[in-house]
PDB file of N, CA and C in Angstrom:
ATOM      1  N   MET A   1      13.265  70.316  44.165  1.00  0.00           N
ATOM      2  CA  MET A   1      14.068  71.308  43.468  1.00  0.00           C
ATOM      3  C   MET A   1      13.328  71.709  42.193  1.00  0.00           C
ATOM      4  N   SER A   2      13.290  72.999  41.943  1.00  0.00           N
ATOM      5  CA  SER A   2      12.589  73.478  40.753  1.00  0.00           C
ATOM      6  C   SER A   2      13.397  73.152  39.492  1.00  0.00           C
ATOM      7  N   ARG A   3      12.723  73.178  38.377  1.00  0.00           N
ATOM      8  CA  ARG A   3      13.379  72.910  37.093  1.00  0.00           C
ATOM      9  C   ARG A   3      14.467  73.954  36.821  1.00  0.00           C
ATOM     10  N   LYS A   4      14.185  75.221  37.154  1.00  0.00           N
ATOM     11  CA  LYS A   4      15.166  76.298  36.957  1.00  0.00           C
ATOM     12  C   LYS A   4      16.421  76.046  37.803  1.00  0.00           C
ATOM     13  N   ASP A   5      16.232  75.664  39.065  1.00  0.00           N
ATOM     14  CA  ASP A   5      17.373  75.373  39.937  1.00  0.00           C
ATOM     15  C   ASP A   5      18.191  74.210  39.395  1.00  0.00           C
ATOM     16  N   LYS A   6      17.500  73.188  38.909  1.00  0.00           N
ATOM     17  CA  LYS A   6      18.186  72.023  38.357  1.00  0.00           C
ATOM     18  C   LYS A   6      18.999  72.424  37.123  1.00  0.00           C
ATOM     19  N   ASN A   7      18.405  73.237  36.245  1.00  0.00           N
ATOM     20  CA  ASN A   7      19.120  73.691  35.051  1.00  0.00           C
ATOM     21  C   ASN A   7      20.339  74.532  35.428  1.00  0.00           C
ATOM     22  N   THR A   8      20.162  75.390  36.424  1.00  0.00           N
ATOM     23  CA  THR A   8      21.254  76.252  36.879  1.00  0.00           C
ATOM     24  C   THR A   8      22.420  75.415  37.387  1.00  0.00           C
ATOM     25  N   LEU A   9      22.133  74.409  38.192  1.00  0.00           N
ATOM     26  CA  LEU A   9      23.188  73.555  38.744  1.00  0.00           C
ATOM     27  C   LEU A   9      23.827  72.666  37.687  1.00  0.00           C
ATOM     28  N   GLU A  10      23.020  72.142  36.765  1.00  0.00           N
ATOM     29  CA  GLU A  10      23.575  71.304  35.704  1.00  0.00           C
ATOM     30  C   GLU A  10      24.517  72.108  34.813  1.00  0.00           C
ATOM     31  N   PHE A  11      24.146  73.348  34.527  1.00  0.00           N
ATOM     32  CA  PHE A  11      25.008  74.198  33.718  1.00  0.00           C
ATOM     33  C   PHE A  11      26.296  74.522  34.473  1.00  0.00           C
ATOM     34  N   LEU A  12      26.191  74.738  35.771  1.00  0.00           N
ATOM     35  CA  LEU A  12      27.378  75.015  36.584  1.00  0.00           C
ATOM     36  C   LEU A  12      28.332  73.826  36.571  1.00  0.00           C
ATOM     37  N   VAL A  13      27.815  72.627  36.702  1.00  0.00           N
ATOM     38  CA  VAL A  13      28.651  71.424  36.676  1.00  0.00           C
ATOM     39  C   VAL A  13      29.379  71.325  35.332  1.00  0.00           C
ATOM     40  N   ALA A  14      28.672  71.570  34.248  1.00  0.00           N
ATOM     41  CA  ALA A  14      29.297  71.512  32.926  1.00  0.00           C
ATOM     42  C   ALA A  14      30.345  72.608  32.773  1.00  0.00           C
ATOM     43  N   LEU A  15      30.052  73.787  33.281  1.00  0.00           N
ATOM     44  CA  LEU A  15      30.989  74.901  33.185  1.00  0.00           C
ATOM     45  C   LEU A  15      32.255  74.644  34.008  1.00  0.00           C
ATOM     46  N   VAL A  16      32.099  74.092  35.188  1.00  0.00           N
ATOM     47  CA  VAL A  16      33.265  73.752  36.013  1.00  0.00           C
ATOM     48  C   VAL A  16      34.116  72.708  35.294  1.00  0.00           C
ATOM     49  N   SER A  17      33.476  71.758  34.656  1.00  0.00           N
ATOM     50  CA  SER A  17      34.206  70.741  33.901  1.00  0.00           C
ATOM     51  C   SER A  17      34.998  71.370  32.757  1.00  0.00           C
ATOM     52  N   GLU A  18      34.376  72.295  32.033  1.00  0.00           N
ATOM     53  CA  GLU A  18      35.062  72.999  30.947  1.00  0.00           C
ATOM     54  C   GLU A  18      36.224  73.832  31.469  1.00  0.00           C
ATOM     55  N   LEU A  19      36.020  74.513  32.580  1.00  0.00           N
ATOM     56  CA  LEU A  19      37.070  75.324  33.191  1.00  0.00           C
ATOM     57  C   LEU A  19      38.252  74.445  33.611  1.00  0.00           C
ATOM     58  N   ALA A  20      37.942  73.315  34.223  1.00  0.00           N
ATOM     59  CA  ALA A  20      38.991  72.387  34.654  1.00  0.00           C
ATOM     60  C   ALA A  20      39.807  71.897  33.460  1.00  0.00           C
ATOM     61  N   ALA A  21      39.125  71.534  32.388  1.00  0.00           N
ATOM     62  CA  ALA A  21      39.817  71.061  31.188  1.00  0.00           C
ATOM     63  C   ALA A  21      40.669  72.179  30.580  1.00  0.00           C
ATOM     64  N   HIS A  22      40.130  73.381  30.557  1.00  0.00           N
ATOM     65  CA  HIS A  22      40.858  74.528  30.004  1.00  0.00           C
ATOM     66  C   HIS A  22      42.141  74.800  30.779  1.00  0.00           C
ATOM     67  N   LEU A  23      42.077  74.678  32.092  1.00  0.00           N
ATOM     68  CA  LEU A  23      43.229  74.975  32.946  1.00  0.00           C
ATOM     69  C   LEU A  23      44.119  73.766  33.204  1.00  0.00           C
ATOM     70  N   GLY A  24      43.635  72.566  32.871  1.00  0.00           N
ATOM     71  CA  GLY A  24      44.401  71.352  33.129  1.00  0.00           C
ATOM     72  C   GLY A  24      44.470  71.008  34.606  1.00  0.00           C
ATOM     73  N   ILE A  25      43.371  71.273  35.323  1.00  0.00           N
ATOM     74  CA  ILE A  25      43.304  70.975  36.755  1.00  0.00           C
ATOM     75  C   ILE A  25      42.085  70.108  37.014  1.00  0.00           C
ATOM     76  N   SER A  26      41.969  69.596  38.231  1.00  0.00           N
ATOM     77  CA  SER A  26      40.817  68.762  38.569  1.00  0.00           C
ATOM     78  C   SER A  26      39.555  69.618  38.664  1.00  0.00           C
ATOM     79  N   GLN A  27      38.421  68.953  38.560  1.00  0.00           N
ATOM     80  CA  GLN A  27      37.153  69.658  38.695  1.00  0.00           C
ATOM     81  C   GLN A  27      36.991  70.223  40.103  1.00  0.00           C
ATOM     82  N   ASP A  28      37.466  69.501  41.095  1.00  0.00           N
ATOM     83  CA  ASP A  28      37.421  70.006  42.476  1.00  0.00           C
ATOM     84  C   ASP A  28      38.220  71.294  42.608  1.00  0.00           C
ATOM     85  N   ALA A  29      39.418  71.312  42.021  1.00  0.00           N
ATOM     86  CA  ALA A  29      40.261  72.501  42.093  1.00  0.00           C
ATOM     87  C   ALA A  29      39.617  73.675  41.350  1.00  0.00           C
ATOM     88  N   ALA A  30      39.008  73.399  40.212  1.00  0.00           N
ATOM     89  CA  ALA A  30      38.335  74.455  39.441  1.00  0.00           C
ATOM     90  C   ALA A  30      37.163  75.030  40.236  1.00  0.00           C
ATOM     91  N   TYR A  31      36.374  74.170  40.851  1.00  0.00           N
ATOM     92  CA  TYR A  31      35.250  74.633  41.665  1.00  0.00           C
ATOM     93  C   TYR A  31      35.743  75.467  42.842  1.00  0.00           C
ATOM     94  N   ASN A  32      36.754  74.976  43.532  1.00  0.00           N
ATOM     95  CA  ASN A  32      37.293  75.711  44.679  1.00  0.00           C
ATOM     96  C   ASN A  32      37.841  77.066  44.262  1.00  0.00           C
ATOM     97  N   TYR A  33      38.462  77.120  43.103  1.00  0.00           N
ATOM     98  CA  TYR A  33      39.010  78.378  42.590  1.00  0.00           C
ATOM     99  C   TYR A  33      37.897  79.403  42.346  1.00  0.00           C
ATOM    100  N   ILE A  34      36.848  79.000  41.649  1.00  0.00           N
ATOM    101  CA  ILE A  34      35.788  79.981  41.376  1.00  0.00           C
ATOM    102  C   ILE A  34      35.006  80.333  42.637  1.00  0.00           C
ATOM    103  N   ARG A  35      34.946  79.412  43.577  1.00  0.00           N
ATOM    104  CA  ARG A  35      34.287  79.719  44.853  1.00  0.00           C
ATOM    105  C   ARG A  35      35.107  80.734  45.637  1.00  0.00           C
ATOM    106  N   GLU A  36      36.410  80.522  45.701  1.00  0.00           N
ATOM    107  CA  GLU A  36      37.285  81.384  46.491  1.00  0.00           C
ATOM    108  C   GLU A  36      37.400  82.790  45.916  1.00  0.00           C
ATOM    109  N   TYR A  37      37.381  82.902  44.594  1.00  0.00           N
ATOM    110  CA  TYR A  37      37.608  84.203  43.963  1.00  0.00           C
ATOM    111  C   TYR A  37      36.342  84.807  43.349  1.00  0.00           C
ATOM    112  N   ARG A  38      35.214  84.512  43.957  1.00  0.00           N
ATOM    113  CA  ARG A  38      33.918  85.136  43.680  1.00  0.00           C
ATOM    114  C   ARG A  38      33.319  84.809  42.317  1.00  0.00           C
ATOM    115  N   GLY A  39      33.808  83.763  41.678  1.00  0.00           N
ATOM    116  CA  GLY A  39      33.238  83.336  40.413  1.00  0.00           C
ATOM    117  C   GLY A  39      31.836  82.780  40.569  1.00  0.00           C
ATOM    118  N   LEU A  40      31.563  82.102  41.684  1.00  0.00           N
ATOM    119  CA  LEU A  40      30.219  81.569  41.912  1.00  0.00           C
ATOM    120  C   LEU A  40      29.215  82.691  42.115  1.00  0.00           C
ATOM    121  N   GLU A  41      29.624  83.718  42.832  1.00  0.00           N
ATOM    122  CA  GLU A  41      28.761  84.887  43.024  1.00  0.00           C
ATOM    123  C   GLU A  41      28.354  85.463  41.670  1.00  0.00           C
ATOM    124  N   TYR A  42      29.357  85.651  40.827  1.00  0.00           N
ATOM    125  CA  TYR A  42      29.141  86.167  39.475  1.00  0.00           C
ATOM    126  C   TYR A  42      28.209  85.229  38.695  1.00  0.00           C
ATOM    127  N   TYR A  43      28.480  83.939  38.772  1.00  0.00           N
ATOM    128  CA  TYR A  43      27.683  82.958  38.036  1.00  0.00           C
ATOM    129  C   TYR A  43      26.210  83.019  38.423  1.00  0.00           C
ATOM    130  N   PHE A  44      25.921  82.962  39.705  1.00  0.00           N
ATOM    131  CA  PHE A  44      24.523  82.946  40.133  1.00  0.00           C
ATOM    132  C   PHE A  44      23.830  84.286  39.885  1.00  0.00           C
ATOM    133  N   LYS A  45      24.563  85.358  39.968  1.00  0.00           N
ATOM    134  CA  LYS A  45      23.981  86.683  39.721  1.00  0.00           C
ATOM    135  C   LYS A  45      23.610  86.854  38.246  1.00  0.00           C
ATOM    136  N   HIS A  46      24.432  86.288  37.351  1.00  0.00           N
ATOM    137  CA  HIS A  46      24.253  86.522  35.916  1.00  0.00           C
ATOM    138  C   HIS A  46      23.858  85.283  35.121  1.00  0.00           C
ATOM    139  N   TYR A  47      23.382  84.240  35.795  1.00  0.00           N
ATOM    140  CA  TYR A  47      23.051  82.987  35.104  1.00  0.00           C
ATOM    141  C   TYR A  47      22.114  83.200  33.928  1.00  0.00           C
ATOM    142  N   ASN A  48      21.134  84.061  34.082  1.00  0.00           N
ATOM    143  CA  ASN A  48      20.147  84.257  33.007  1.00  0.00           C
ATOM    144  C   ASN A  48      20.785  84.688  31.696  1.00  0.00           C
ATOM    145  N   ILE A  49      21.909  85.347  31.765  1.00  0.00           N
ATOM    146  CA  ILE A  49      22.641  85.740  30.557  1.00  0.00           C
ATOM    147  C   ILE A  49      23.689  84.690  30.202  1.00  0.00           C
ATOM    148  N   LEU A  50      24.400  84.206  31.212  1.00  0.00           N
ATOM    149  CA  LEU A  50      25.517  83.286  30.968  1.00  0.00           C
ATOM    150  C   LEU A  50      25.101  82.025  30.226  1.00  0.00           C
ATOM    151  N   HIS A  51      23.940  81.498  30.530  1.00  0.00           N
ATOM    152  CA  HIS A  51      23.566  80.234  29.883  1.00  0.00           C
ATOM    153  C   HIS A  51      23.269  80.406  28.395  1.00  0.00           C
ATOM    154  N   THR A  52      23.204  81.649  27.922  1.00  0.00           N
ATOM    155  CA  THR A  52      22.980  81.881  26.489  1.00  0.00           C
ATOM    156  C   THR A  52      24.297  82.015  25.723  1.00  0.00           C
ATOM    157  N   LEU A  53      25.415  82.069  26.444  1.00  0.00           N
ATOM    158  CA  LEU A  53      26.730  82.229  25.828  1.00  0.00           C
ATOM    159  C   LEU A  53      27.422  80.875  25.688  1.00  0.00           C
ATOM    160  N   SER A  54      28.469  80.839  24.909  1.00  0.00           N
ATOM    161  CA  SER A  54      29.223  79.588  24.733  1.00  0.00           C
ATOM    162  C   SER A  54      30.029  79.282  25.993  1.00  0.00           C
ATOM    163  N   PHE A  55      30.426  78.025  26.120  1.00  0.00           N
ATOM    164  CA  PHE A  55      31.277  77.646  27.247  1.00  0.00           C
ATOM    165  C   PHE A  55      32.604  78.385  27.170  1.00  0.00           C
ATOM    166  N   GLU A  56      33.132  78.557  25.980  1.00  0.00           N
ATOM    167  CA  GLU A  56      34.399  79.270  25.817  1.00  0.00           C
ATOM    168  C   GLU A  56      34.291  80.697  26.364  1.00  0.00           C
ATOM    169  N   GLU A  57      33.221  81.388  26.017  1.00  0.00           N
ATOM    170  CA  GLU A  57      33.019  82.746  26.531  1.00  0.00           C
ATOM    171  C   GLU A  57      32.868  82.742  28.047  1.00  0.00           C
ATOM    172  N   ASN A  58      32.130  81.784  28.553  1.00  0.00           N
ATOM    173  CA  ASN A  58      31.914  81.695  29.988  1.00  0.00           C
ATOM    174  C   ASN A  58      33.208  81.397  30.740  1.00  0.00           C
ATOM    175  N   VAL A  59      34.027  80.517  30.217  1.00  0.00           N
ATOM    176  CA  VAL A  59      35.299  80.191  30.857  1.00  0.00           C
ATOM    177  C   VAL A  59      36.175  81.440  30.914  1.00  0.00           C
ATOM    178  N   GLU A  60      36.284  82.153  29.807  1.00  0.00           N
ATOM    179  CA  GLU A  60      37.103  83.374  29.783  1.00  0.00           C
ATOM    180  C   GLU A  60      36.564  84.418  30.753  1.00  0.00           C
ATOM    181  N   ASP A  61      35.246  84.574  30.787  1.00  0.00           N
ATOM    182  CA  ASP A  61      34.643  85.548  31.702  1.00  0.00           C
ATOM    183  C   ASP A  61      34.881  85.165  33.162  1.00  0.00           C
ATOM    184  N   LEU A  62      34.704  83.886  33.483  1.00  0.00           N
ATOM    185  CA  LEU A  62      34.941  83.432  34.852  1.00  0.00           C
ATOM    186  C   LEU A  62      36.399  83.635  35.254  1.00  0.00           C
ATOM    187  N   LEU A  63      37.310  83.336  34.351  1.00  0.00           N
ATOM    188  CA  LEU A  63      38.721  83.543  34.650  1.00  0.00           C
ATOM    189  C   LEU A  63      39.017  85.018  34.899  1.00  0.00           C
ATOM    190  N   GLN A  64      38.376  85.900  34.134  1.00  0.00           N
ATOM    191  CA  GLN A  64      38.594  87.330  34.328  1.00  0.00           C
ATOM    192  C   GLN A  64      38.017  87.805  35.654  1.00  0.00           C
ATOM    193  N   VAL A  65      36.819  87.332  35.997  1.00  0.00           N
ATOM    194  CA  VAL A  65      36.209  87.696  37.279  1.00  0.00           C
ATOM    195  C   VAL A  65      37.115  87.245  38.429  1.00  0.00           C
ATOM    196  N   CYS A  66      37.584  86.016  38.350  1.00  0.00           N
ATOM    197  CA  CYS A  66      38.453  85.495  39.406  1.00  0.00           C
ATOM    198  C   CYS A  66      39.771  86.261  39.471  1.00  0.00           C
ATOM    199  N   ALA A  67      40.337  86.582  38.329  1.00  0.00           N
ATOM    200  CA  ALA A  67      41.581  87.354  38.305  1.00  0.00           C
ATOM    201  C   ALA A  67      41.364  88.729  38.917  1.00  0.00           C
ATOM    202  N   ASN A  68      40.217  89.334  38.650  1.00  0.00           N
ATOM    203  CA  ASN A  68      39.904  90.642  39.217  1.00  0.00           C
ATOM    204  C   ASN A  68      39.766  90.588  40.737  1.00  0.00           C
ATOM    205  N   ASN A  69      39.535  89.391  41.256  1.00  0.00           N
ATOM    206  CA  ASN A  69      39.370  89.207  42.700  1.00  0.00           C
ATOM    207  C   ASN A  69      40.554  88.486  43.338  1.00  0.00           C
ATOM    208  N   GLY A  70      41.706  88.522  42.683  1.00  0.00           N
ATOM    209  CA  GLY A  70      42.919  87.975  43.270  1.00  0.00           C
ATOM    210  C   GLY A  70      43.357  86.614  42.759  1.00  0.00           C
ATOM    211  N   GLY A  71      42.562  85.959  41.942  1.00  0.00           N
ATOM    212  CA  GLY A  71      42.930  84.648  41.408  1.00  0.00           C
ATOM    213  C   GLY A  71      44.049  84.761  40.400  1.00  0.00           C
ATOM    214  N   GLN A  72      44.908  83.751  40.349  1.00  0.00           N
ATOM    215  CA  GLN A  72      46.072  83.828  39.456  1.00  0.00           C
ATOM    216  C   GLN A  72      46.310  82.532  38.689  1.00  0.00           C
ATOM    217  N   LEU A  73      45.260  81.855  38.261  1.00  0.00           N
ATOM    218  CA  LEU A  73      45.445  80.577  37.545  1.00  0.00           C
ATOM    219  C   LEU A  73      45.561  80.732  36.030  1.00  0.00           C
ATOM    220  N   ARG A  74      45.439  81.906  35.502  1.00  0.00           N
ATOM    221  CA  ARG A  74      45.501  82.093  34.037  1.00  0.00           C
ATOM    222  C   ARG A  74      46.781  81.616  33.527  1.00  0.00           C
TER     223      ARG A  74
END
């Protein structure tokens, strides 16, 4: 695995953890939510920008992307 891939996945794990804490749900549920409502697509497409933002900004953005795609956990 390349260093970039490892960094991308490590950041995703941390972001899912932050999202789970923000919503008061398990990390599994948070991951499934962003997977189901296209948050992962958004994450991988925009990782180069997302990793420069705060976790708070990323959590809000992911929640908005998911809400725009039918998610209702806000």
